[in-house]
Amino acid sequence: MKTRRDKMEIIKDLLCNAVEGISYKWCRVESHNKKNIPDCKYLSELLTFEDGKMTVSDCSGEEACATKEVSHKDVFRAWDKFKNDYNRHYQDAINGHDDAITADVFFQLVVLDDVIFG
């Protein structure tokens, strides 16, 4: 019998798939404070730490790339919206059926507070 995954494990997986995968098409990590968080092994898990922050650029528009700082607060705000407003993707994530699209939807909620692409 397959058990549901832990919330933090799911979030780490979604961020890994987004930061190292599909989201590079519309978003780039410009800077981060990973070196200030000794327990953080991978950039993709940085936002799961209370003091973790990264500056990302949204280069999807026609204008110059806009930058935004995101933190763990954005991740947990996005989790609530993901769970409540994007339940199909949320169910895929908690049941281990997530893919690049699921991760990108979640990361768009982290960075943009909405799903703009896809």
PDB file of N, CA and C in Angstrom:
ATOM      1  N   MET A   1       0.832  -1.174   0.000  1.00  0.00           N
ATOM      2  CA  MET A   1       0.000   0.000   0.000  1.00  0.00           C
ATOM      3  C   MET A   1       0.886   1.250   0.000  1.00  0.00           C
ATOM      4  N   LYS A   2       0.632   2.155  -0.918  1.00  0.00           N
ATOM      5  CA  LYS A   2       1.418   3.376  -1.030  1.00  0.00           C
ATOM      6  C   LYS A   2       0.870   4.420  -0.056  1.00  0.00           C
ATOM      7  N   THR A   3       1.769   5.042   0.707  1.00  0.00           N
ATOM      8  CA  THR A   3       1.337   6.069   1.646  1.00  0.00           C
ATOM      9  C   THR A   3       1.571   7.446   1.056  1.00  0.00           C
ATOM     10  N   ARG A   4       0.808   8.393   1.551  1.00  0.00           N
ATOM     11  CA  ARG A   4       0.989   9.776   1.112  1.00  0.00           C
ATOM     12  C   ARG A   4       2.331  10.292   1.596  1.00  0.00           C
ATOM     13  N   ARG A   5       2.909  11.159   0.794  1.00  0.00           N
ATOM     14  CA  ARG A   5       4.207  11.724   1.145  1.00  0.00           C
ATOM     15  C   ARG A   5       4.034  12.884   2.120  1.00  0.00           C
ATOM     16  N   ASP A   6       5.069  13.164   2.863  1.00  0.00           N
ATOM     17  CA  ASP A   6       5.121  14.280   3.795  1.00  0.00           C
ATOM     18  C   ASP A   6       5.077  15.601   3.022  1.00  0.00           C
ATOM     19  N   LYS A   7       4.418  16.594   3.577  1.00  0.00           N
ATOM     20  CA  LYS A   7       4.267  17.901   2.930  1.00  0.00           C
ATOM     21  C   LYS A   7       5.609  18.507   2.526  1.00  0.00           C
ATOM     22  N   MET A   8       6.594  18.494   3.417  1.00  0.00           N
ATOM     23  CA  MET A   8       7.894  19.092   3.087  1.00  0.00           C
ATOM     24  C   MET A   8       8.605  18.310   1.985  1.00  0.00           C
ATOM     25  N   GLU A   9       8.462  17.006   1.980  1.00  0.00           N
ATOM     26  CA  GLU A   9       9.049  16.186   0.918  1.00  0.00           C
ATOM     27  C   GLU A   9       8.428  16.560  -0.430  1.00  0.00           C
ATOM     28  N   ILE A  10       7.124  16.729  -0.447  1.00  0.00           N
ATOM     29  CA  ILE A  10       6.431  17.109  -1.680  1.00  0.00           C
ATOM     30  C   ILE A  10       6.897  18.475  -2.155  1.00  0.00           C
ATOM     31  N   ILE A  11       6.951  19.439  -1.238  1.00  0.00           N
ATOM     32  CA  ILE A  11       7.374  20.795  -1.597  1.00  0.00           C
ATOM     33  C   ILE A  11       8.801  20.782  -2.137  1.00  0.00           C
ATOM     34  N   LYS A  12       9.693  20.057  -1.488  1.00  0.00           N
ATOM     35  CA  LYS A  12      11.084  19.964  -1.965  1.00  0.00           C
ATOM     36  C   LYS A  12      11.142  19.368  -3.362  1.00  0.00           C
ATOM     37  N   ASP A  13      10.360  18.330  -3.603  1.00  0.00           N
ATOM     38  CA  ASP A  13      10.341  17.715  -4.935  1.00  0.00           C
ATOM     39  C   ASP A  13       9.803  18.675  -5.983  1.00  0.00           C
ATOM     40  N   LEU A  14       8.724  19.384  -5.652  1.00  0.00           N
ATOM     41  CA  LEU A  14       8.145  20.344  -6.600  1.00  0.00           C
ATOM     42  C   LEU A  14       9.132  21.456  -6.915  1.00  0.00           C
ATOM     43  N   LEU A  15       9.800  21.980  -5.878  1.00  0.00           N
ATOM     44  CA  LEU A  15      10.778  23.049  -6.099  1.00  0.00           C
ATOM     45  C   LEU A  15      11.966  22.548  -6.905  1.00  0.00           C
ATOM     46  N   CYS A  16      12.404  21.329  -6.633  1.00  0.00           N
ATOM     47  CA  CYS A  16      13.522  20.758  -7.399  1.00  0.00           C
ATOM     48  C   CYS A  16      13.152  20.653  -8.871  1.00  0.00           C
ATOM     49  N   ASN A  17      11.993  20.106  -9.149  1.00  0.00           N
ATOM     50  CA  ASN A  17      11.555  19.953 -10.542  1.00  0.00           C
ATOM     51  C   ASN A  17      11.374  21.298 -11.225  1.00  0.00           C
ATOM     52  N   ALA A  18      10.924  22.285 -10.475  1.00  0.00           N
ATOM     53  CA  ALA A  18      10.701  23.610 -11.062  1.00  0.00           C
ATOM     54  C   ALA A  18      12.018  24.361 -11.270  1.00  0.00           C
ATOM     55  N   VAL A  19      12.822  24.462 -10.230  1.00  0.00           N
ATOM     56  CA  VAL A  19      14.057  25.252 -10.281  1.00  0.00           C
ATOM     57  C   VAL A  19      15.060  24.623 -11.240  1.00  0.00           C
ATOM     58  N   GLU A  20      15.127  23.308 -11.266  1.00  0.00           N
ATOM     59  CA  GLU A  20      16.104  22.628 -12.115  1.00  0.00           C
ATOM     60  C   GLU A  20      15.507  22.142 -13.422  1.00  0.00           C
ATOM     61  N   GLY A  21      14.231  22.438 -13.644  1.00  0.00           N
ATOM     62  CA  GLY A  21      13.582  21.892 -14.823  1.00  0.00           C
ATOM     63  C   GLY A  21      12.784  22.904 -15.610  1.00  0.00           C
ATOM     64  N   ILE A  22      11.522  22.684 -15.697  1.00  0.00           N
ATOM     65  CA  ILE A  22      10.632  23.354 -16.635  1.00  0.00           C
ATOM     66  C   ILE A  22      10.557  24.874 -16.466  1.00  0.00           C
ATOM     67  N   SER A  23      10.650  25.382 -15.268  1.00  0.00           N
ATOM     68  CA  SER A  23      10.433  26.815 -15.050  1.00  0.00           C
ATOM     69  C   SER A  23      11.520  27.690 -15.643  1.00  0.00           C
ATOM     70  N   TYR A  24      12.642  27.099 -16.039  1.00  0.00           N
ATOM     71  CA  TYR A  24      13.705  27.894 -16.656  1.00  0.00           C
ATOM     72  C   TYR A  24      13.225  28.576 -17.937  1.00  0.00           C
ATOM     73  N   LYS A  25      12.126  28.106 -18.506  1.00  0.00           N
ATOM     74  CA  LYS A  25      11.610  28.709 -19.738  1.00  0.00           C
ATOM     75  C   LYS A  25      11.064  30.103 -19.504  1.00  0.00           C
ATOM     76  N   TRP A  26      10.619  30.394 -18.294  1.00  0.00           N
ATOM     77  CA  TRP A  26      10.061  31.719 -18.012  1.00  0.00           C
ATOM     78  C   TRP A  26      10.734  32.397 -16.825  1.00  0.00           C
ATOM     79  N   CYS A  27      11.568  31.695 -16.104  1.00  0.00           N
ATOM     80  CA  CYS A  27      12.109  32.249 -14.858  1.00  0.00           C
ATOM     81  C   CYS A  27      13.567  31.829 -14.672  1.00  0.00           C
ATOM     82  N   ARG A  28      14.362  32.764 -14.162  1.00  0.00           N
ATOM     83  CA  ARG A  28      15.766  32.472 -13.846  1.00  0.00           C
ATOM     84  C   ARG A  28      16.049  32.884 -12.407  1.00  0.00           C
ATOM     85  N   VAL A  29      16.892  32.105 -11.743  1.00  0.00           N
ATOM     86  CA  VAL A  29      17.373  32.484 -10.416  1.00  0.00           C
ATOM     87  C   VAL A  29      18.555  33.417 -10.636  1.00  0.00           C
ATOM     88  N   GLU A  30      18.409  34.651 -10.174  1.00  0.00           N
ATOM     89  CA  GLU A  30      19.459  35.659 -10.363  1.00  0.00           C
ATOM     90  C   GLU A  30      20.444  35.688  -9.200  1.00  0.00           C
ATOM     91  N   SER A  31      19.932  35.524  -7.993  1.00  0.00           N
ATOM     92  CA  SER A  31      20.795  35.503  -6.811  1.00  0.00           C
ATOM     93  C   SER A  31      20.081  34.740  -5.702  1.00  0.00           C
ATOM     94  N   HIS A  32      20.855  34.360  -4.684  1.00  0.00           N
ATOM     95  CA  HIS A  32      20.288  33.597  -3.569  1.00  0.00           C
ATOM     96  C   HIS A  32      21.225  33.706  -2.373  1.00  0.00           C
ATOM     97  N   ASN A  33      20.739  33.258  -1.226  1.00  0.00           N
ATOM     98  CA  ASN A  33      21.559  33.301  -0.012  1.00  0.00           C
ATOM     99  C   ASN A  33      21.870  31.889   0.517  1.00  0.00           C
ATOM    100  N   LYS A  34      21.992  30.926  -0.372  1.00  0.00           N
ATOM    101  CA  LYS A  34      22.247  29.538   0.031  1.00  0.00           C
ATOM    102  C   LYS A  34      23.500  29.415   0.904  1.00  0.00           C
ATOM    103  N   LYS A  35      24.510  30.178   0.607  1.00  0.00           N
ATOM    104  CA  LYS A  35      25.764  30.064   1.379  1.00  0.00           C
ATOM    105  C   LYS A  35      25.576  30.454   2.850  1.00  0.00           C
ATOM    106  N   ASN A  36      24.516  31.193   3.153  1.00  0.00           N
ATOM    107  CA  ASN A  36      24.242  31.606   4.535  1.00  0.00           C
ATOM    108  C   ASN A  36      23.444  30.568   5.322  1.00  0.00           C
ATOM    109  N   ILE A  37      23.062  29.484   4.678  1.00  0.00           N
ATOM    110  CA  ILE A  37      22.239  28.465   5.335  1.00  0.00           C
ATOM    111  C   ILE A  37      22.985  27.128   5.244  1.00  0.00           C
ATOM    112  N   PRO A  38      23.778  26.818   6.263  1.00  0.00           N
ATOM    113  CA  PRO A  38      24.651  25.635   6.214  1.00  0.00           C
ATOM    114  C   PRO A  38      23.918  24.314   5.981  1.00  0.00           C
ATOM    115  N   ASP A  39      22.699  24.188   6.455  1.00  0.00           N
ATOM    116  CA  ASP A  39      21.962  22.926   6.304  1.00  0.00           C
ATOM    117  C   ASP A  39      21.363  22.742   4.913  1.00  0.00           C
ATOM    118  N   CYS A  40      21.415  23.762   4.087  1.00  0.00           N
ATOM    119  CA  CYS A  40      20.830  23.692   2.752  1.00  0.00           C
ATOM    120  C   CYS A  40      21.841  23.076   1.789  1.00  0.00           C
ATOM    121  N   LYS A  41      21.515  21.895   1.282  1.00  0.00           N
ATOM    122  CA  LYS A  41      22.413  21.201   0.364  1.00  0.00           C
ATOM    123  C   LYS A  41      22.212  21.628  -1.084  1.00  0.00           C
ATOM    124  N   TYR A  42      20.971  21.877  -1.472  1.00  0.00           N
ATOM    125  CA  TYR A  42      20.650  22.148  -2.870  1.00  0.00           C
ATOM    126  C   TYR A  42      19.894  23.462  -2.997  1.00  0.00           C
ATOM    127  N   LEU A  43      20.172  24.184  -4.046  1.00  0.00           N
ATOM    128  CA  LEU A  43      19.491  25.441  -4.294  1.00  0.00           C
ATOM    129  C   LEU A  43      17.972  25.247  -4.329  1.00  0.00           C
ATOM    130  N   SER A  44      17.529  24.139  -4.885  1.00  0.00           N
ATOM    131  CA  SER A  44      16.093  23.906  -5.015  1.00  0.00           C
ATOM    132  C   SER A  44      15.380  23.765  -3.666  1.00  0.00           C
ATOM    133  N   GLU A  45      16.093  23.449  -2.596  1.00  0.00           N
ATOM    134  CA  GLU A  45      15.464  23.340  -1.280  1.00  0.00           C
ATOM    135  C   GLU A  45      15.610  24.603  -0.441  1.00  0.00           C
ATOM    136  N   LEU A  46      16.299  25.593  -0.960  1.00  0.00           N
ATOM    137  CA  LEU A  46      16.573  26.816  -0.209  1.00  0.00           C
ATOM    138  C   LEU A  46      15.310  27.462   0.354  1.00  0.00           C
ATOM    139  N   LEU A  47      14.263  27.498  -0.422  1.00  0.00           N
ATOM    140  CA  LEU A  47      13.044  28.189   0.009  1.00  0.00           C
ATOM    141  C   LEU A  47      12.253  27.423   1.062  1.00  0.00           C
ATOM    142  N   THR A  48      12.711  26.244   1.429  1.00  0.00           N
ATOM    143  CA  THR A  48      12.049  25.515   2.514  1.00  0.00           C
ATOM    144  C   THR A  48      12.651  25.877   3.870  1.00  0.00           C
ATOM    145  N   PHE A  49      13.732  26.634   3.872  1.00  0.00           N
ATOM    146  CA  PHE A  49      14.351  27.100   5.111  1.00  0.00           C
ATOM    147  C   PHE A  49      13.824  28.488   5.461  1.00  0.00           C
ATOM    148  N   GLU A  50      13.619  28.730   6.731  1.00  0.00           N
ATOM    149  CA  GLU A  50      13.016  29.983   7.181  1.00  0.00           C
ATOM    150  C   GLU A  50      13.733  31.219   6.660  1.00  0.00           C
ATOM    151  N   ASP A  51      15.052  31.195   6.601  1.00  0.00           N
ATOM    152  CA  ASP A  51      15.800  32.363   6.142  1.00  0.00           C
ATOM    153  C   ASP A  51      16.183  32.288   4.659  1.00  0.00           C
ATOM    154  N   GLY A  52      15.717  31.252   3.958  1.00  0.00           N
ATOM    155  CA  GLY A  52      16.058  31.078   2.556  1.00  0.00           C
ATOM    156  C   GLY A  52      15.374  32.104   1.669  1.00  0.00           C
ATOM    157  N   LYS A  53      16.163  32.701   0.778  1.00  0.00           N
ATOM    158  CA  LYS A  53      15.635  33.699  -0.157  1.00  0.00           C
ATOM    159  C   LYS A  53      16.356  33.570  -1.491  1.00  0.00           C
ATOM    160  N   MET A  54      15.633  33.878  -2.542  1.00  0.00           N
ATOM    161  CA  MET A  54      16.269  33.972  -3.847  1.00  0.00           C
ATOM    162  C   MET A  54      15.584  35.076  -4.640  1.00  0.00           C
ATOM    163  N   THR A  55      16.353  35.687  -5.493  1.00  0.00           N
ATOM    164  CA  THR A  55      15.805  36.679  -6.405  1.00  0.00           C
ATOM    165  C   THR A  55      15.677  35.999  -7.754  1.00  0.00           C
ATOM    166  N   VAL A  56      14.479  36.070  -8.301  1.00  0.00           N
ATOM    167  CA  VAL A  56      14.210  35.442  -9.592  1.00  0.00           C
ATOM    168  C   VAL A  56      13.764  36.506 -10.574  1.00  0.00           C
ATOM    169  N   SER A  57      13.992  36.227 -11.844  1.00  0.00           N
ATOM    170  CA  SER A  57      13.522  37.148 -12.877  1.00  0.00           C
ATOM    171  C   SER A  57      12.480  36.436 -13.726  1.00  0.00           C
ATOM    172  N   ASP A  58      11.433  37.160 -14.011  1.00  0.00           N
ATOM    173  CA  ASP A  58      10.364  36.673 -14.880  1.00  0.00           C
ATOM    174  C   ASP A  58      10.619  37.281 -16.249  1.00  0.00           C
ATOM    175  N   CYS A  59      11.118  36.467 -17.147  1.00  0.00           N
ATOM    176  CA  CYS A  59      11.482  36.951 -18.475  1.00  0.00           C
ATOM    177  C   CYS A  59      10.481  36.517 -19.531  1.00  0.00           C
ATOM    178  N   SER A  60       9.251  36.395 -19.129  1.00  0.00           N
ATOM    179  CA  SER A  60       8.230  35.908 -20.046  1.00  0.00           C
ATOM    180  C   SER A  60       7.537  37.021 -20.810  1.00  0.00           C
ATOM    181  N   GLY A  61       7.573  38.218 -20.272  1.00  0.00           N
ATOM    182  CA  GLY A  61       6.849  39.320 -20.887  1.00  0.00           C
ATOM    183  C   GLY A  61       7.613  39.975 -22.010  1.00  0.00           C
ATOM    184  N   GLU A  62       6.989  40.955 -22.589  1.00  0.00           N
ATOM    185  CA  GLU A  62       7.605  41.681 -23.697  1.00  0.00           C
ATOM    186  C   GLU A  62       8.542  42.772 -23.200  1.00  0.00           C
ATOM    187  N   GLU A  63       8.343  43.183 -21.962  1.00  0.00           N
ATOM    188  CA  GLU A  63       9.187  44.228 -21.389  1.00  0.00           C
ATOM    189  C   GLU A  63      10.439  43.604 -20.793  1.00  0.00           C
ATOM    190  N   ALA A  64      11.273  44.437 -20.213  1.00  0.00           N
ATOM    191  CA  ALA A  64      12.495  43.952 -19.569  1.00  0.00           C
ATOM    192  C   ALA A  64      12.126  42.989 -18.444  1.00  0.00           C
ATOM    193  N   CYS A  65      13.031  42.092 -18.144  1.00  0.00           N
ATOM    194  CA  CYS A  65      12.790  41.106 -17.095  1.00  0.00           C
ATOM    195  C   CYS A  65      12.544  41.785 -15.751  1.00  0.00           C
ATOM    196  N   ALA A  66      11.476  41.388 -15.102  1.00  0.00           N
ATOM    197  CA  ALA A  66      11.166  41.891 -13.766  1.00  0.00           C
ATOM    198  C   ALA A  66      11.762  40.932 -12.744  1.00  0.00           C
ATOM    199  N   THR A  67      12.301  41.464 -11.652  1.00  0.00           N
ATOM    200  CA  THR A  67      12.855  40.608 -10.615  1.00  0.00           C
ATOM    201  C   THR A  67      11.973  40.669  -9.377  1.00  0.00           C
ATOM    202  N   LYS A  68      12.034  39.591  -8.621  1.00  0.00           N
ATOM    203  CA  LYS A  68      11.250  39.499  -7.393  1.00  0.00           C
ATOM    204  C   LYS A  68      12.009  38.620  -6.421  1.00  0.00           C
ATOM    205  N   GLU A  69      12.018  39.023  -5.163  1.00  0.00           N
ATOM    206  CA  GLU A  69      12.600  38.182  -4.132  1.00  0.00           C
ATOM    207  C   GLU A  69      11.512  37.264  -3.597  1.00  0.00           C
ATOM    208  N   VAL A  70      11.810  35.979  -3.509  1.00  0.00           N
ATOM    209  CA  VAL A  70      10.877  35.013  -2.951  1.00  0.00           C
ATOM    210  C   VAL A  70      11.525  34.322  -1.759  1.00  0.00           C
ATOM    211  N   SER A  71      10.687  33.894  -0.827  1.00  0.00           N
ATOM    212  CA  SER A  71      11.173  33.272   0.404  1.00  0.00           C
ATOM    213  C   SER A  71      10.262  32.116   0.794  1.00  0.00           C
ATOM    214  N   HIS A  72      10.572  31.526   1.937  1.00  0.00           N
ATOM    215  CA  HIS A  72       9.749  30.414   2.423  1.00  0.00           C
ATOM    216  C   HIS A  72       8.306  30.843   2.638  1.00  0.00           C
ATOM    217  N   LYS A  73       8.088  32.101   2.977  1.00  0.00           N
ATOM    218  CA  LYS A  73       6.712  32.594   3.160  1.00  0.00           C
ATOM    219  C   LYS A  73       5.927  32.474   1.857  1.00  0.00           C
ATOM    220  N   ASP A  74       6.577  32.758   0.751  1.00  0.00           N
ATOM    221  CA  ASP A  74       5.921  32.632  -0.557  1.00  0.00           C
ATOM    222  C   ASP A  74       5.602  31.171  -0.866  1.00  0.00           C
ATOM    223  N   VAL A  75       6.475  30.271  -0.444  1.00  0.00           N
ATOM    224  CA  VAL A  75       6.254  28.848  -0.684  1.00  0.00           C
ATOM    225  C   VAL A  75       5.009  28.370   0.060  1.00  0.00           C
ATOM    226  N   PHE A  76       4.866  28.758   1.317  1.00  0.00           N
ATOM    227  CA  PHE A  76       3.735  28.271   2.100  1.00  0.00           C
ATOM    228  C   PHE A  76       2.439  28.987   1.737  1.00  0.00           C
ATOM    229  N   ARG A  77       2.526  30.215   1.298  1.00  0.00           N
ATOM    230  CA  ARG A  77       1.344  30.905   0.752  1.00  0.00           C
ATOM    231  C   ARG A  77       0.901  30.190  -0.516  1.00  0.00           C
ATOM    232  N   ALA A  78       1.878  29.853  -1.372  1.00  0.00           N
ATOM    233  CA  ALA A  78       1.579  29.148  -2.618  1.00  0.00           C
ATOM    234  C   ALA A  78       1.001  27.762  -2.338  1.00  0.00           C
ATOM    235  N   TRP A  79       1.507  27.073  -1.306  1.00  0.00           N
ATOM    236  CA  TRP A  79       1.002  25.740  -0.970  1.00  0.00           C
ATOM    237  C   TRP A  79      -0.499  25.800  -0.681  1.00  0.00           C
ATOM    238  N   ASP A  80      -0.915  26.793   0.091  1.00  0.00           N
ATOM    239  CA  ASP A  80      -2.340  26.922   0.416  1.00  0.00           C
ATOM    240  C   ASP A  80      -3.171  27.156  -0.840  1.00  0.00           C
ATOM    241  N   LYS A  81      -2.695  28.009  -1.711  1.00  0.00           N
ATOM    242  CA  LYS A  81      -3.418  28.282  -2.955  1.00  0.00           C
ATOM    243  C   LYS A  81      -3.413  27.050  -3.864  1.00  0.00           C
ATOM    244  N   PHE A  82      -2.285  26.357  -3.914  1.00  0.00           N
ATOM    245  CA  PHE A  82      -2.145  25.125  -4.692  1.00  0.00           C
ATOM    246  C   PHE A  82      -3.182  24.101  -4.219  1.00  0.00           C
ATOM    247  N   LYS A  83      -3.278  23.943  -2.911  1.00  0.00           N
ATOM    248  CA  LYS A  83      -4.195  22.971  -2.314  1.00  0.00           C
ATOM    249  C   LYS A  83      -5.657  23.354  -2.566  1.00  0.00           C
ATOM    250  N   ASN A  84      -5.976  24.620  -2.414  1.00  0.00           N
ATOM    251  CA  ASN A  84      -7.362  25.074  -2.501  1.00  0.00           C
ATOM    252  C   ASN A  84      -7.843  25.359  -3.915  1.00  0.00           C
ATOM    253  N   ASP A  85      -6.987  25.927  -4.746  1.00  0.00           N
ATOM    254  CA  ASP A  85      -7.423  26.389  -6.068  1.00  0.00           C
ATOM    255  C   ASP A  85      -6.945  25.512  -7.228  1.00  0.00           C
ATOM    256  N   TYR A  86      -5.976  24.663  -6.985  1.00  0.00           N
ATOM    257  CA  TYR A  86      -5.415  23.810  -8.041  1.00  0.00           C
ATOM    258  C   TYR A  86      -5.409  22.363  -7.556  1.00  0.00           C
ATOM    259  N   ASN A  87      -6.565  21.929  -7.101  1.00  0.00           N
ATOM    260  CA  ASN A  87      -6.687  20.644  -6.422  1.00  0.00           C
ATOM    261  C   ASN A  87      -6.262  19.459  -7.282  1.00  0.00           C
ATOM    262  N   ARG A  88      -6.475  19.494  -8.572  1.00  0.00           N
ATOM    263  CA  ARG A  88      -6.050  18.373  -9.430  1.00  0.00           C
ATOM    264  C   ARG A  88      -4.533  18.209  -9.353  1.00  0.00           C
ATOM    265  N   HIS A  89      -3.802  19.320  -9.444  1.00  0.00           N
ATOM    266  CA  HIS A  89      -2.338  19.270  -9.354  1.00  0.00           C
ATOM    267  C   HIS A  89      -1.902  18.900  -7.934  1.00  0.00           C
ATOM    268  N   TYR A  90      -2.595  19.435  -6.956  1.00  0.00           N
ATOM    269  CA  TYR A  90      -2.304  19.106  -5.554  1.00  0.00           C
ATOM    270  C   TYR A  90      -2.460  17.600  -5.325  1.00  0.00           C
ATOM    271  N   GLN A  91      -3.550  17.029  -5.803  1.00  0.00           N
ATOM    272  CA  GLN A  91      -3.783  15.592  -5.647  1.00  0.00           C
ATOM    273  C   GLN A  91      -2.697  14.784  -6.347  1.00  0.00           C
ATOM    274  N   ASP A  92      -2.298  15.224  -7.535  1.00  0.00           N
ATOM    275  CA  ASP A  92      -1.195  14.551  -8.227  1.00  0.00           C
ATOM    276  C   ASP A  92       0.067  14.575  -7.369  1.00  0.00           C
ATOM    277  N   ALA A  93       0.352  15.720  -6.761  1.00  0.00           N
ATOM    278  CA  ALA A  93       1.559  15.867  -5.944  1.00  0.00           C
ATOM    279  C   ALA A  93       1.515  14.983  -4.704  1.00  0.00           C
ATOM    280  N   ILE A  94       0.431  15.014  -3.964  1.00  0.00           N
ATOM    281  CA  ILE A  94       0.404  14.243  -2.715  1.00  0.00           C
ATOM    282  C   ILE A  94       0.320  12.741  -2.960  1.00  0.00           C
ATOM    283  N   ASN A  95      -0.149  12.355  -4.133  1.00  0.00           N
ATOM    284  CA  ASN A  95      -0.247  10.935  -4.452  1.00  0.00           C
ATOM    285  C   ASN A  95       0.929  10.419  -5.279  1.00  0.00           C
ATOM    286  N   GLY A  96       1.941  11.277  -5.478  1.00  0.00           N
ATOM    287  CA  GLY A  96       3.152  10.857  -6.179  1.00  0.00           C
ATOM    288  C   GLY A  96       3.005  10.775  -7.687  1.00  0.00           C
ATOM    289  N   HIS A  97       2.026  11.474  -8.232  1.00  0.00           N
ATOM    290  CA  HIS A  97       1.812  11.468  -9.679  1.00  0.00           C
ATOM    291  C   HIS A  97       2.181  12.810 -10.313  1.00  0.00           C
ATOM    292  N   ASP A  98       2.958  13.610  -9.595  1.00  0.00           N
ATOM    293  CA  ASP A  98       3.337  14.920 -10.104  1.00  0.00           C
ATOM    294  C   ASP A  98       4.360  14.781 -11.225  1.00  0.00           C
ATOM    295  N   ASP A  99       4.390  15.818 -12.058  1.00  0.00           N
ATOM    296  CA  ASP A  99       5.317  15.867 -13.181  1.00  0.00           C
ATOM    297  C   ASP A  99       5.807  17.302 -13.338  1.00  0.00           C
ATOM    298  N   ALA A 100       6.451  17.598 -14.442  1.00  0.00           N
ATOM    299  CA  ALA A 100       6.995  18.938 -14.676  1.00  0.00           C
ATOM    300  C   ALA A 100       5.894  19.997 -14.675  1.00  0.00           C
ATOM    301  N   ILE A 101       4.739  19.667 -15.191  1.00  0.00           N
ATOM    302  CA  ILE A 101       3.640  20.637 -15.219  1.00  0.00           C
ATOM    303  C   ILE A 101       3.166  20.942 -13.800  1.00  0.00           C
ATOM    304  N   THR A 102       3.035  19.921 -12.976  1.00  0.00           N
ATOM    305  CA  THR A 102       2.637  20.120 -11.584  1.00  0.00           C
ATOM    306  C   THR A 102       3.626  21.043 -10.877  1.00  0.00           C
ATOM    307  N   ALA A 103       4.919  20.789 -11.068  1.00  0.00           N
ATOM    308  CA  ALA A 103       5.968  21.603 -10.440  1.00  0.00           C
ATOM    309  C   ALA A 103       5.930  23.030 -10.952  1.00  0.00           C
ATOM    310  N   ASP A 104       5.702  23.203 -12.242  1.00  0.00           N
ATOM    311  CA  ASP A 104       5.662  24.548 -12.806  1.00  0.00           C
ATOM    312  C   ASP A 104       4.453  25.326 -12.286  1.00  0.00           C
ATOM    313  N   VAL A 105       3.317  24.677 -12.171  1.00  0.00           N
ATOM    314  CA  VAL A 105       2.130  25.333 -11.603  1.00  0.00           C
ATOM    315  C   VAL A 105       2.449  25.805 -10.190  1.00  0.00           C
ATOM    316  N   PHE A 106       3.051  24.935  -9.390  1.00  0.00           N
ATOM    317  CA  PHE A 106       3.388  25.308  -8.017  1.00  0.00           C
ATOM    318  C   PHE A 106       4.371  26.484  -7.993  1.00  0.00           C
ATOM    319  N   PHE A 107       5.405  26.427  -8.829  1.00  0.00           N
ATOM    320  CA  PHE A 107       6.411  27.499  -8.813  1.00  0.00           C
ATOM    321  C   PHE A 107       5.838  28.817  -9.334  1.00  0.00           C
ATOM    322  N   GLN A 108       4.930  28.762 -10.273  1.00  0.00           N
ATOM    323  CA  GLN A 108       4.259  29.986 -10.708  1.00  0.00           C
ATOM    324  C   GLN A 108       3.497  30.608  -9.542  1.00  0.00           C
ATOM    325  N   LEU A 109       2.877  29.778  -8.718  1.00  0.00           N
ATOM    326  CA  LEU A 109       2.171  30.303  -7.544  1.00  0.00           C
ATOM    327  C   LEU A 109       3.155  30.919  -6.553  1.00  0.00           C
ATOM    328  N   VAL A 110       4.335  30.324  -6.417  1.00  0.00           N
ATOM    329  CA  VAL A 110       5.358  30.880  -5.526  1.00  0.00           C
ATOM    330  C   VAL A 110       5.810  32.249  -6.023  1.00  0.00           C
ATOM    331  N   VAL A 111       6.141  32.332  -7.298  1.00  0.00           N
ATOM    332  CA  VAL A 111       6.759  33.534  -7.851  1.00  0.00           C
ATOM    333  C   VAL A 111       5.723  34.584  -8.281  1.00  0.00           C
ATOM    334  N   LEU A 112       4.662  34.133  -8.934  1.00  0.00           N
ATOM    335  CA  LEU A 112       3.714  35.069  -9.560  1.00  0.00           C
ATOM    336  C   LEU A 112       2.384  35.188  -8.814  1.00  0.00           C
ATOM    337  N   ASP A 113       2.163  34.321  -7.839  1.00  0.00           N
ATOM    338  CA  ASP A 113       0.917  34.264  -7.072  1.00  0.00           C
ATOM    339  C   ASP A 113      -0.289  33.906  -7.950  1.00  0.00           C
ATOM    340  N   ASP A 114      -0.032  33.368  -9.130  1.00  0.00           N
ATOM    341  CA  ASP A 114      -1.080  32.959 -10.046  1.00  0.00           C
ATOM    342  C   ASP A 114      -0.451  32.048 -11.096  1.00  0.00           C
ATOM    343  N   VAL A 115      -1.273  31.329 -11.816  1.00  0.00           N
ATOM    344  CA  VAL A 115      -0.779  30.489 -12.904  1.00  0.00           C
ATOM    345  C   VAL A 115      -1.022  31.251 -14.201  1.00  0.00           C
ATOM    346  N   ILE A 116       0.047  31.658 -14.840  1.00  0.00           N
ATOM    347  CA  ILE A 116      -0.010  32.480 -16.051  1.00  0.00           C
ATOM    348  C   ILE A 116       0.216  31.613 -17.282  1.00  0.00           C
ATOM    349  N   PHE A 117       1.114  30.646 -17.164  1.00  0.00           N
ATOM    350  CA  PHE A 117       1.510  29.817 -18.303  1.00  0.00           C
ATOM    351  C   PHE A 117       0.919  28.423 -18.179  1.00  0.00           C
ATOM    352  N   GLY A 118       0.413  27.908 -19.261  1.00  0.00           N
ATOM    353  CA  GLY A 118      -0.053  26.538 -19.310  1.00  0.00           C
ATOM    354  C   GLY A 118      -1.420  26.277 -18.773  1.00  0.00           C
TER     355      GLY A 118
END
